[in-house]
């Protein structure tokens, strides 16, 4: 955002400690198709436990 040169500017920066995904489809076989949120390496995901949370918890 542009502002006046005399006024200070503040930028807040953070990073994700957890890999995130959003389920976009559940196949008829029960598999999940997902969209990644944030950066991730597919090599790191192998063998990791996954928790799927719904709007009901």
Protein backbone atom coordinates (compact mmCIF):
# COMPACT_ATOMS: atom_id res chain seq x y z
CA UNK A 1 0.00 0.00 0.00
CA UNK A 2 1.35 3.39 -0.89
CA UNK A 3 1.62 5.96 1.85
CA UNK A 4 3.32 9.20 2.70
CA UNK A 5 7.10 9.09 2.75
CA UNK A 6 7.33 10.62 6.27
CA UNK A 7 5.13 7.98 7.90
CA UNK A 8 6.67 4.70 9.10
CA UNK A 9 5.64 1.47 7.40
CA UNK A 10 5.13 -1.85 9.13
CA UNK A 11 5.28 -5.31 7.59
CA UNK A 12 4.27 -8.46 9.49
CA UNK A 13 5.90 -11.66 8.27
CA UNK A 14 5.35 -15.23 9.40
CA UNK A 15 5.71 -18.79 8.23
CA UNK A 16 3.70 -21.99 8.53
CA UNK A 17 5.07 -24.61 10.90
CA UNK A 18 2.59 -27.20 9.68
CA UNK A 19 1.87 -28.42 6.19
CA UNK A 20 -1.71 -27.70 5.22
CA UNK A 21 -4.08 -29.14 2.66
CA UNK A 22 -7.70 -28.56 1.75
CA UNK A 23 -9.81 -31.53 0.63
CA UNK A 24 -11.40 -30.73 -2.72
CA UNK A 25 -12.91 -34.15 -3.55
CA UNK A 26 -13.67 -37.51 -1.99
CA UNK A 27 -13.65 -40.23 -4.67
CA UNK A 28 -16.24 -43.02 -4.82
CA UNK A 29 -13.47 -45.33 -3.52
CA UNK A 30 -13.02 -43.08 -0.46
CA UNK A 31 -9.70 -41.48 -1.45
CA UNK A 32 -9.12 -37.78 -0.78
CA UNK A 33 -8.05 -35.36 -3.48
CA UNK A 34 -6.56 -32.22 -1.99
CA UNK A 35 -5.13 -28.79 -2.71
CA UNK A 36 -1.91 -27.83 -0.90
CA UNK A 37 -1.80 -24.72 1.31
CA UNK A 38 1.67 -23.28 1.68
CA UNK A 39 4.89 -24.82 0.42
CA UNK A 40 5.72 -28.50 0.86
CA UNK A 41 7.93 -31.26 -0.50
CA UNK A 42 6.22 -34.45 -1.61
CA UNK A 43 9.22 -36.51 -0.37
CA UNK A 44 8.58 -35.33 3.19
CA UNK A 45 4.93 -36.40 3.22
CA UNK A 46 5.56 -40.12 2.73
CA UNK A 47 4.91 -42.05 5.92
CA UNK A 48 3.43 -39.12 7.87
CA UNK A 49 0.21 -39.41 9.82
CA UNK A 50 -2.58 -37.14 8.60
CA UNK A 51 -5.42 -35.61 10.64
CA UNK A 52 -8.52 -34.63 8.68
CA UNK A 53 -10.68 -32.04 10.41
CA UNK A 54 -14.19 -31.10 9.37
CA UNK A 55 -16.30 -28.08 10.24
CA UNK A 56 -17.61 -30.20 13.13
CA UNK A 57 -14.11 -30.87 14.41
